[in-house]
Amino acid sequence: MNSAGIQVDAPTAVEHGLSFDVEDYRQILSARFRGEPGPVAEGFERNMEAVLGLLAETGTKATFFVTGTVVGGRPDLVRRWADAGHEIASHGQAHVPLWLMTPQTLKAELVRVKAALEDASGRAVGGFRAPIFSIRWDTMWALDVLREAGFTYDSSIVPVRMRRYGVAGFAPAPALYLLPSGGELVEIPLSIARAFGRQVPMAGGGYFRLFSRRRIERAVAESQAAGVPFVVYAHPDEFGKERFRAADLATGWRDRLAALAIAVKSNIGRRKVPATVRSLLGRFRFTTLERLANRVRERGTKSVLGTIR
């Protein structure tokens, strides 16, 4: 058992990746319905305290992919998370998918948010995750932009095609890639597992709500047996005790109906997520994505990005 009294499986050479997309969902919806994100919601800090409490209890360090709207509104929180030993990484400014951006606008945003996160945390920021995992074949140019902006690794690719995101045929294991520009970048894809006769990203989000804890644990165990880190993620609002609400952010009956539908969807299975994460941290060894990226880089083996399609 670990110091928290949680049963931990026998030590293994494989460390898995634990990450949180640290976005204030109410800010995202406020930008949608009101045209601006507004302040960081009161419940956001409470939800993050629940996340931090679980990580402290299990002795786990995680990567926090933080949006620019969060660090802009509460830089003091970012400093606290960094001081607790967690990695601070970038999740873009306001959760806008990359397919709505140009290389020029993306680079300007990357540089600005990276600087804000480094000022708040007092530490270098090397990791990035695109909103909505929006690095696809048609936005693969973003990897070169990331390298130009000073990032050393990315964790935006889902190696199977879904409705809005995903890169079919992308190698599922973390690897160091030689980019078209000649630069190098480590890619840490979101993990996938087979279910319903196909590969699905069973590593967080709706899949943590859809699948049982045992099925998710089996997927991690299978990845571990293959010697490949399993990369998971969660959101702060999934750790909230109160039901998520959004109708107050909208005006007009159409937007209110949309906000209500979003809230209903967001609350389905949400209470399962903390228990699933707790169980995973008890059974397997998890660490930051920065640590995984460093291990990949130490191996020195490179893949050429243009040959993996």
Foldseek 3Di string as FASTA:
>chain_A
DDPLPFAEDDDDPAAAAEEAAEDQVLLLLLCVFVVGSDARDPLSVVLVVLVVVLCVSLVAAHEYAYAQRHLVRCLQVLQVSVVVPHHYEHAWHRLDACVVDDLVVRLVRLLVSQVSSCVSNVDHYAEYEYRVLRCEVVNVVVVVSSVVSPHAEYESAAQPDDDRGHYDQFDQAWAWAQEPVRDIHIYHYAHWDDDPRRIDRCAEDVNLQVDDLVVSVVRQVVCVVVVGHHHHYYYSVLRGPDQDAHLVSHDDPVSSVVRVVVSVVCRRSSPSVVVSVSNCSSYRHYHYVVVVSVVNVVVVDYDYVVPRD
